[in-house]
Amino acid sequence: MKLGDALGALTGSKLRTALVGLVVLGGAVGGAFAVGILGVPGVAAVDNTFGNVTNETTEVKTDLVVSNPNPVGIGLDGVSVNYTVSMNDVEMAQGGRKGVTVESGNSTIPLETDLRNDAIPPWWVTHVRNGERTDVGIDASVTSDLLGRTVEFSRSREITTDLLGAFNSNETRPVNADSPLTDDPILYVNETRGEWGSVSEAETPIDMAFTVYNPNLEPYAITEIGYDVTMNDVEMATGRTEEGYVIPSRSSETIEFTTALRNPRLDEWWVTHLDEEVRGHQVSQLRIEFYAVIELPSGEEVTVPLDELTYEETIETDIFDEGDDVRDAGDADGSGADGDGSGTSDDTTDGGNETDDGSSTDDDTTDDGDSTGGNTSDDDGTDDNTTDGGSDGGDDGVLPL
């Protein structure tokens, strides 16, 4: 046999041996997954924060922790990860990455995506219609092309606000004309009320009512009430009433009117809400100012700023519970901030849902304890974290941290 032929035979033999070895190894790995010896990678944690904000977009930075429960990395180059952030089912951000290599244990995968600010007005509509409640949903998944299997992770967090609650008041406030033609106070406002009207895509009405008392011997006429509504100095509504009211002598009269926030301005407000240099990160001030045009018994009209009725409310939110990882299991003692004057924040995690080719779901659930947090508002709030899933050590692919 010639030397070249011998070398060719030897080389071919080694190549065939190597290929057979790879096939056997691949079959062994696939078989190990099939019988549960090796676990399927899953999502162990999701941590979202807001990044740069422009007039059009808001950057959402995500650290997605993928858990490989196997003792060694197994070259999972066919792994893809995806996540979606929604607020009351309005999709705010969506991102992912393909061809992820996962080492043994936990691997943090940084992701960035843009939230379009024009999604803020549609979300706001759902927030008001839902009684100023928002369910922030985070859904993530890890898919192995090699195995044709997906492990899913979901978590929800309830954000509540109470923007108008403090406007409802029985406090008596004087109305002073500061005019030499009459003695002050010329009127008293004994009650103020406000509630959301029927919100539409274009505007958010606020139905308001003032109970006004006239202590004088003569009737007084209020020919006009004007208002300006701002959020972080962004003008949201301005206008005046079209109807006049007469307040009889030593009697009370209820004045009712409606303001309307212009929803298209909400994306502009959103930029200021996330700007730390305005009032702090995720902090806003709602301000409503009023004036009245009052006709005196002499027939003269005076414009009176209703400074005593100026309404201010601070709004604070912590939409992503920033600084706290969203853990799949074993982390049910975090607390969150929702908003000044807000109420309850509920964190619910449902992890380790594994599907074969997306056709079935197996849930292993664990109910963990509740916790209380009070950094949401001037009022006391409750933050309930409930964690479901993924801690039984099975092949659901989720490694509790």
Protein backbone atom coordinates (compact mmCIF):
# COMPACT_ATOMS: atom_id res chain seq x y z
CA MET A 1 0.00 0.00 0.00
CA LYS A 2 1.26 3.40 -0.84
CA LEU A 3 2.06 5.82 1.93
CA GLY A 4 -0.53 8.38 0.67
CA ASP A 5 -3.27 5.78 0.56
CA ALA A 6 -2.40 4.63 4.05
CA LEU A 7 -2.53 8.17 5.43
CA GLY A 8 -5.85 8.80 3.65
CA ALA A 9 -7.36 5.67 5.09
CA LEU A 10 -6.11 6.55 8.54
CA THR A 11 -7.38 10.13 8.32
CA GLY A 12 -10.76 9.03 6.97
CA SER A 13 -11.05 6.48 9.73
CA LYS A 14 -10.38 9.12 12.38
CA LEU A 15 -12.84 11.55 10.79
CA ARG A 16 -15.56 8.90 10.70
CA THR A 17 -14.80 8.03 14.29
CA ALA A 18 -15.06 11.68 15.32
CA LEU A 19 -18.36 12.14 13.49
CA VAL A 20 -19.78 9.02 15.04
CA GLY A 21 -18.62 10.26 18.42
CA LEU A 22 -20.38 13.58 17.93
CA VAL A 23 -23.58 11.85 16.86
CA VAL A 24 -23.42 9.55 19.87
CA LEU A 25 -22.69 12.49 22.17
CA GLY A 26 -25.54 14.52 20.72
CA GLY A 27 -27.88 11.58 21.08
CA ALA A 28 -26.71 11.07 24.64
CA VAL A 29 -27.29 14.73 25.51
CA GLY A 30 -30.70 14.73 23.84
CA GLY A 31 -31.59 11.49 25.59
CA ALA A 32 -30.44 12.89 28.89
CA PHE A 33 -32.78 15.83 28.44
CA ALA A 34 -35.59 13.53 27.39
CA VAL A 35 -35.39 11.39 30.51
CA GLY A 36 -34.84 14.35 32.83
CA ILE A 37 -31.19 13.71 33.70
CA LEU A 38 -30.35 17.17 32.40
CA GLY A 39 -32.59 20.17 33.04
CA VAL A 40 -33.96 22.64 30.53
CA PRO A 41 -32.67 26.20 30.96
CA GLY A 42 -35.20 28.65 32.38
CA VAL A 43 -35.62 32.23 33.56
CA ALA A 44 -34.55 32.79 37.16
CA ALA A 45 -34.93 36.57 37.40
CA VAL A 46 -35.85 39.68 35.45
CA ASP A 47 -34.67 43.14 36.47
CA ASN A 48 -36.01 46.13 34.52
CA THR A 49 -34.98 49.76 34.80
CA PHE A 50 -35.64 52.86 32.74
CA GLY A 51 -32.72 54.27 30.77
CA ASN A 52 -32.46 57.28 28.48
CA VAL A 53 -35.68 59.14 27.73
CA THR A 54 -36.35 61.25 24.64
CA ASN A 55 -39.50 62.96 23.43
CA GLU A 56 -40.35 59.88 21.38
CA THR A 57 -38.98 56.86 23.23
CA THR A 58 -38.07 55.54 26.67
CA GLU A 59 -35.23 53.04 26.95
CA VAL A 60 -36.01 49.93 28.99
CA LYS A 61 -32.93 48.11 30.25
CA THR A 62 -33.43 44.47 31.20
CA ASP A 63 -31.12 42.04 32.97
CA LEU A 64 -32.58 38.62 32.26
CA VAL A 65 -31.04 35.88 34.39
CA VAL A 66 -31.10 32.50 32.63
CA SER A 67 -30.61 29.46 34.84
CA ASN A 68 -28.87 26.37 33.48
CA PRO A 69 -29.43 23.70 36.15
CA ASN A 70 -26.85 21.37 34.62
CA PRO A 71 -23.36 20.96 36.14
CA VAL A 72 -21.61 22.12 32.96
CA GLY A 73 -22.34 24.34 30.02
CA ILE A 74 -23.51 22.18 27.17
CA GLY A 75 -23.12 24.48 24.22
CA LEU A 76 -26.70 25.64 24.00
CA ASP A 77 -26.08 27.95 21.10
CA GLY A 78 -29.62 27.32 19.91
CA VAL A 79 -31.15 29.03 22.96
CA SER A 80 -33.29 32.13 22.46
CA VAL A 81 -34.79 34.41 25.10
CA ASN A 82 -37.77 36.75 24.76
CA TYR A 83 -39.64 39.07 27.08
CA THR A 84 -42.60 41.44 27.00
CA VAL A 85 -43.56 44.24 29.38
CA SER A 86 -47.22 45.25 29.41
CA MET A 87 -49.35 47.61 31.47
CA ASN A 88 -53.02 46.65 31.68
CA ASP A 89 -52.44 44.48 28.61
CA VAL A 90 -51.07 47.45 26.64
CA GLU A 91 -47.71 46.27 25.29
CA MET A 92 -45.07 48.77 26.38
CA ALA A 93 -41.82 47.03 25.43
CA GLN A 94 -40.78 43.80 23.75
CA GLY A 95 -37.31 42.36 23.18
CA GLY A 96 -35.22 39.24 22.96
CA ARG A 97 -32.08 37.61 21.64
CA LYS A 98 -31.28 34.49 19.69
CA GLY A 99 -28.20 32.29 19.76
CA VAL A 100 -27.55 32.66 23.47
CA THR A 101 -24.84 30.47 25.00
CA VAL A 102 -25.70 29.51 28.57
CA GLU A 103 -23.02 28.39 30.98
CA SER A 104 -23.66 26.28 34.04
CA GLY A 105 -25.59 28.06 36.77
CA ASN A 106 -26.95 31.56 36.26
CA SER A 107 -26.08 33.75 33.29
CA THR A 108 -27.16 37.41 33.14
CA ILE A 109 -28.16 38.52 29.66
CA PRO A 110 -28.41 42.32 29.24
CA LEU A 111 -31.15 43.44 26.86
CA GLU A 112 -32.30 46.87 25.73
CA THR A 113 -35.47 47.92 23.98
CA ASP A 114 -37.40 51.13 23.43
CA LEU A 115 -40.82 51.92 24.82
CA ARG A 116 -42.66 54.29 22.50
CA ASN A 117 -43.96 57.23 24.49
CA ASP A 118 -47.11 57.33 22.38
CA ALA A 119 -48.14 54.14 24.21
CA ILE A 120 -48.56 56.19 27.40
CA PRO A 121 -51.97 57.77 26.53
CA PRO A 122 -53.61 54.38 25.73
CA TRP A 123 -52.23 52.98 28.97
CA TRP A 124 -53.53 56.01 30.91
CA VAL A 125 -57.03 55.40 29.58
CA THR A 126 -56.96 51.84 30.94
CA HIS A 127 -55.52 53.07 34.25
CA VAL A 128 -58.38 55.51 34.86
CA ARG A 129 -61.07 53.14 33.59
CA ASN A 130 -59.70 50.50 35.94
CA GLY A 131 -60.13 52.71 39.00
CA GLU A 132 -56.54 54.05 38.85
CA ARG A 133 -55.13 50.54 38.91
CA THR A 134 -52.49 49.10 36.59
CA ASP A 135 -51.25 45.55 36.33
CA VAL A 136 -47.63 45.63 35.18
CA GLY A 137 -46.98 42.28 33.54
CA ILE A 138 -43.55 40.84 32.73
CA ASP A 139 -43.52 37.71 30.60
CA ALA A 140 -40.28 35.99 29.60
CA SER A 141 -39.36 32.69 28.01
CA VAL A 142 -36.32 30.60 27.17
CA THR A 143 -36.55 28.32 24.14
CA SER A 144 -34.13 25.54 23.19
CA ASP A 145 -34.20 24.83 19.47
CA LEU A 146 -32.26 21.62 20.12
CA LEU A 147 -34.98 20.24 22.37
CA GLY A 148 -37.96 22.04 20.93
CA ARG A 149 -38.96 23.03 24.44
CA THR A 150 -39.79 26.34 26.13
CA VAL A 151 -39.72 27.40 29.77
CA GLU A 152 -41.85 30.43 30.59
CA PHE A 153 -41.69 32.99 33.38
CA SER A 154 -44.36 35.55 34.27
CA ARG A 155 -44.75 38.13 36.96
CA SER A 156 -47.32 40.83 37.68
CA ARG A 157 -47.23 43.89 39.87
CA GLU A 158 -50.19 46.12 40.69
CA ILE A 159 -49.71 49.87 40.71
CA THR A 160 -52.43 52.10 42.17
CA THR A 161 -52.84 55.86 42.42
CA ASP A 162 -55.41 58.20 43.94
CA LEU A 163 -55.01 61.52 42.17
CA LEU A 164 -58.32 63.10 43.17
CA GLY A 165 -58.99 61.59 46.58
CA ALA A 166 -57.72 64.54 48.60
CA PHE A 167 -59.75 66.99 46.50
CA ASN A 168 -62.90 65.72 48.19
CA SER A 169 -63.04 67.94 51.26
CA ASN A 170 -65.53 69.50 53.68
CA GLU A 171 -63.06 72.17 54.76
CA THR A 172 -64.52 75.68 54.74
CA ARG A 173 -62.42 78.14 52.75
CA PRO A 174 -63.01 81.90 52.34
CA VAL A 175 -63.29 83.73 49.03
CA ASN A 176 -61.84 87.24 49.27
CA ALA A 177 -62.43 89.87 46.58
CA ASP A 178 -59.84 92.35 47.91
CA SER A 179 -62.13 95.14 46.72
CA PRO A 180 -62.95 98.41 48.50
CA LEU A 181 -66.56 97.96 47.38
CA THR A 182 -67.26 95.03 49.68
CA ASP A 183 -66.14 93.38 52.87
CA ASP A 184 -64.23 90.11 52.80
CA PRO A 185 -64.87 87.28 52.73
CA ILE A 186 -67.66 87.72 50.21
CA LEU A 187 -68.31 83.96 49.90
CA TYR A 188 -67.30 80.67 51.49
CA VAL A 189 -66.63 77.34 49.80
CA ASN A 190 -67.81 74.70 52.26
CA GLU A 191 -67.20 71.59 50.17
CA THR A 192 -65.26 70.48 47.10
CA ARG A 193 -65.75 67.22 45.19
CA GLY A 194 -64.05 65.70 42.18
CA GLU A 195 -64.20 62.41 40.32
CA TRP A 196 -63.23 61.03 36.94
CA GLY A 197 -65.81 61.25 34.21
CA SER A 198 -66.18 58.96 31.20
CA VAL A 199 -62.65 58.78 29.82
CA SER A 200 -62.08 58.53 26.08
CA GLU A 201 -58.97 58.16 23.93
CA ALA A 202 -58.86 61.93 23.47
CA GLU A 203 -59.56 63.27 26.96
CA THR A 204 -59.98 62.45 30.63
CA PRO A 205 -62.84 64.47 32.17
CA ILE A 206 -62.88 65.50 35.82
CA ASP A 207 -66.36 66.22 37.16
CA MET A 208 -66.10 68.86 39.89
CA ALA A 209 -68.53 70.43 42.32
CA PHE A 210 -68.21 73.36 44.78
CA THR A 211 -70.73 74.07 47.53
CA VAL A 212 -70.67 77.87 47.94
CA TYR A 213 -72.25 79.81 50.82
CA ASN A 214 -73.16 83.51 50.65
CA PRO A 215 -73.06 85.18 54.11
CA ASN A 216 -74.26 88.57 52.81
CA LEU A 217 -77.69 90.21 52.75
CA GLU A 218 -77.52 90.57 48.97
CA PRO A 219 -77.25 87.82 46.36
CA TYR A 220 -73.96 87.38 44.57
CA ALA A 221 -73.55 86.08 41.05
CA ILE A 222 -70.64 83.94 39.87
CA THR A 223 -70.54 84.48 36.11
CA GLU A 224 -67.51 82.30 35.35
CA ILE A 225 -65.10 79.80 36.92
CA GLY A 226 -61.81 79.18 35.21
CA TYR A 227 -59.25 76.44 35.77
CA ASP A 228 -55.74 75.37 34.81
CA VAL A 229 -54.48 71.81 35.30
CA THR A 230 -50.78 70.97 35.07
CA MET A 231 -48.67 67.89 35.71
CA ASN A 232 -45.01 68.79 36.30
CA ASP A 233 -45.84 72.17 34.72
CA VAL A 234 -47.06 70.46 31.52
CA GLU A 235 -50.41 72.05 30.71
CA MET A 236 -52.99 69.28 30.69
CA ALA A 237 -56.22 71.31 30.73
CA THR A 238 -57.36 74.91 30.71
CA GLY A 239 -60.80 76.42 30.34
CA ARG A 240 -63.77 78.10 31.94
CA THR A 241 -67.42 77.43 32.65
CA GLU A 242 -70.08 78.67 30.26
CA GLU A 243 -72.86 78.86 32.85
CA GLY A 244 -73.38 81.46 35.58
CA TYR A 245 -74.69 80.90 39.09
CA VAL A 246 -76.53 83.11 41.57
CA ILE A 247 -75.87 82.53 45.26
CA PRO A 248 -78.90 83.80 47.24
CA SER A 249 -78.45 85.74 50.48
CA ARG A 250 -77.32 83.59 53.37
CA SER A 251 -77.84 80.47 51.30
CA SER A 252 -75.74 77.78 49.67
CA GLU A 253 -75.55 76.76 46.02
CA THR A 254 -73.72 73.86 44.37
CA ILE A 255 -71.68 74.80 41.33
CA GLU A 256 -70.91 71.89 39.01
CA PHE A 257 -68.56 71.88 36.03
CA THR A 258 -66.21 69.56 34.15
CA THR A 259 -62.56 69.92 33.23
CA ALA A 260 -60.88 67.58 30.73
CA LEU A 261 -57.26 66.48 30.61
CA ARG A 262 -55.95 66.29 27.04
CA ASN A 263 -54.62 62.76 26.71
CA PRO A 264 -52.23 63.52 23.81
CA ARG A 265 -50.21 65.63 26.26
CA LEU A 266 -49.56 62.64 28.50
CA ASP A 267 -46.49 61.48 26.57
CA GLU A 268 -44.94 64.90 27.18
CA TRP A 269 -45.74 64.59 30.88
CA TRP A 270 -44.23 61.08 30.90
CA VAL A 271 -40.82 62.47 29.91
CA THR A 272 -40.85 64.84 32.90
CA HIS A 273 -42.08 62.05 35.18
CA LEU A 274 -38.92 60.02 34.52
CA ASP A 275 -36.57 63.03 34.58
CA GLU A 276 -34.78 63.11 37.93
CA GLU A 277 -33.94 66.79 37.46
CA VAL A 278 -37.61 67.82 37.42
CA ARG A 279 -38.92 66.47 40.72
CA GLY A 280 -37.06 63.20 41.04
CA HIS A 281 -37.24 59.87 39.24
CA GLN A 282 -40.86 58.85 38.65
CA VAL A 283 -42.21 61.81 40.61
CA SER A 284 -44.84 64.31 39.42
CA GLN A 285 -46.95 67.09 40.87
CA LEU A 286 -50.57 67.47 39.83
CA ARG A 287 -51.73 71.07 40.29
CA ILE A 288 -55.21 72.52 39.70
CA GLU A 289 -55.73 76.28 40.01
CA PHE A 290 -59.06 78.11 39.91
CA TYR A 291 -60.36 81.64 39.53
CA ALA A 292 -63.89 83.09 39.66
CA VAL A 293 -65.49 86.10 38.04
CA ILE A 294 -67.96 87.47 40.61
CA GLU A 295 -70.60 90.13 40.06
CA LEU A 296 -70.97 92.35 43.11
CA PRO A 297 -74.33 93.85 44.19
CA SER A 298 -73.15 97.16 42.67
CA GLY A 299 -72.98 95.47 39.26
CA GLU A 300 -69.20 95.58 39.07
CA GLU A 301 -67.39 92.35 38.18
CA VAL A 302 -64.16 91.30 39.85
CA THR A 303 -61.85 88.41 38.96
CA VAL A 304 -60.87 86.57 42.12
CA PRO A 305 -58.04 84.00 42.25
CA LEU A 306 -59.34 81.09 44.31
CA ASP A 307 -56.00 80.47 45.99
CA GLU A 308 -57.59 78.64 48.90
CA LEU A 309 -58.92 76.05 46.45
CA THR A 310 -55.63 75.36 44.68
CA TYR A 311 -55.15 71.60 44.65
CA GLU A 312 -51.76 69.89 44.64
CA GLU A 313 -51.01 66.18 44.75
CA THR A 314 -47.63 64.47 44.46
CA ILE A 315 -47.51 61.35 42.31
CA GLU A 316 -44.74 58.80 42.87
CA THR A 317 -44.43 55.50 41.03
CA ASP A 318 -41.99 52.60 40.99
CA ILE A 319 -43.27 50.72 37.99
CA PHE A 320 -40.51 48.11 37.77
CA ASP A 321 -39.71 47.91 41.47
CA GLU A 322 -36.29 49.15 40.42
CA GLY A 323 -33.37 47.89 42.43
CA ASP A 324 -35.15 44.67 43.36
CA ASP A 325 -34.71 41.59 41.20
CA VAL A 326 -37.84 39.90 39.98
CA ARG A 327 -37.06 36.45 41.29
CA ASP A 328 -38.73 33.27 40.17
CA ALA A 329 -38.72 31.72 43.62
CA GLY A 330 -37.59 32.31 47.17
CA ASP A 331 -37.86 36.12 47.01
CA ALA A 332 -41.24 37.04 48.37
CA ASP A 333 -40.16 39.65 50.89
CA GLY A 334 -39.51 42.67 48.70
CA SER A 335 -41.52 45.84 48.86
CA GLY A 336 -42.39 48.38 46.22
CA ALA A 337 -43.38 52.01 45.83
CA ASP A 338 -46.50 52.85 43.91
CA GLY A 339 -47.42 56.44 44.23
CA ASP A 340 -48.22 59.32 46.51
CA GLY A 341 -51.73 58.73 47.66
CA SER A 342 -51.72 55.28 46.15
CA GLY A 343 -52.89 52.10 47.74
CA THR A 344 -51.82 48.53 47.10
CA SER A 345 -49.02 46.86 45.19
CA ASP A 346 -49.20 43.13 44.53
CA ASP A 347 -46.27 41.18 43.14
CA THR A 348 -47.14 37.79 41.69
CA THR A 349 -44.64 35.50 40.05
CA ASP A 350 -45.48 32.38 38.08
CA GLY A 351 -42.31 30.68 36.96
CA GLY A 352 -41.19 27.36 35.63
CA ASN A 353 -44.03 26.74 33.23
CA GLU A 354 -42.54 24.35 30.74
CA THR A 355 -44.09 23.58 27.40
CA ASP A 356 -43.16 20.96 24.83
CA ASP A 357 -43.37 22.63 21.44
CA GLY A 358 -45.69 25.15 23.10
CA SER A 359 -48.50 22.61 23.40
CA SER A 360 -48.77 21.90 27.12
CA THR A 361 -48.03 23.47 30.48
CA ASP A 362 -46.94 21.91 33.76
CA ASP A 363 -47.22 24.10 36.87
CA ASP A 364 -45.44 23.44 40.12
CA THR A 365 -46.61 26.12 42.53
CA THR A 366 -45.53 27.32 45.92
CA ASP A 367 -47.39 30.04 47.79
CA ASP A 368 -45.07 32.23 49.77
CA GLY A 369 -45.82 34.82 52.43
CA ASP A 370 -46.96 38.41 52.29
CA SER A 371 -45.03 41.54 53.11
CA THR A 372 -45.93 45.10 53.91
CA GLY A 373 -44.34 48.20 52.45
CA GLY A 374 -45.17 51.83 53.05
CA ASN A 375 -43.10 53.83 50.61
CA THR A 376 -45.86 54.29 48.09
CA SER A 377 -47.61 57.40 49.35
CA ASP A 378 -48.52 59.70 52.17
CA ASP A 379 -51.03 57.03 53.04
CA ASP A 380 -50.14 53.58 54.22
CA GLY A 381 -49.95 50.92 51.50
CA THR A 382 -49.63 47.19 51.41
CA ASP A 383 -47.26 45.29 49.18
CA ASP A 384 -48.15 41.63 48.78
CA ASN A 385 -45.65 39.43 46.99
CA THR A 386 -46.82 35.98 45.96
CA THR A 387 -44.43 33.55 44.32
CA ASP A 388 -45.63 30.53 42.43
CA GLY A 389 -43.50 27.84 41.00
CA GLY A 390 -40.25 26.28 40.07
CA SER A 391 -38.81 25.22 43.41
CA ASP A 392 -39.41 21.48 43.53
CA GLY A 393 -36.12 20.54 41.94
CA GLY A 394 -37.71 18.86 38.93
CA ASP A 395 -36.72 19.35 35.33
CA ASP A 396 -38.82 22.49 34.93
CA GLY A 397 -35.54 24.22 34.15
CA VAL A 398 -35.79 26.91 36.82
CA LEU A 399 -33.11 27.24 39.44
CA PRO A 400 -34.29 29.15 42.54
CA LEU A 401 -31.86 31.84 43.62
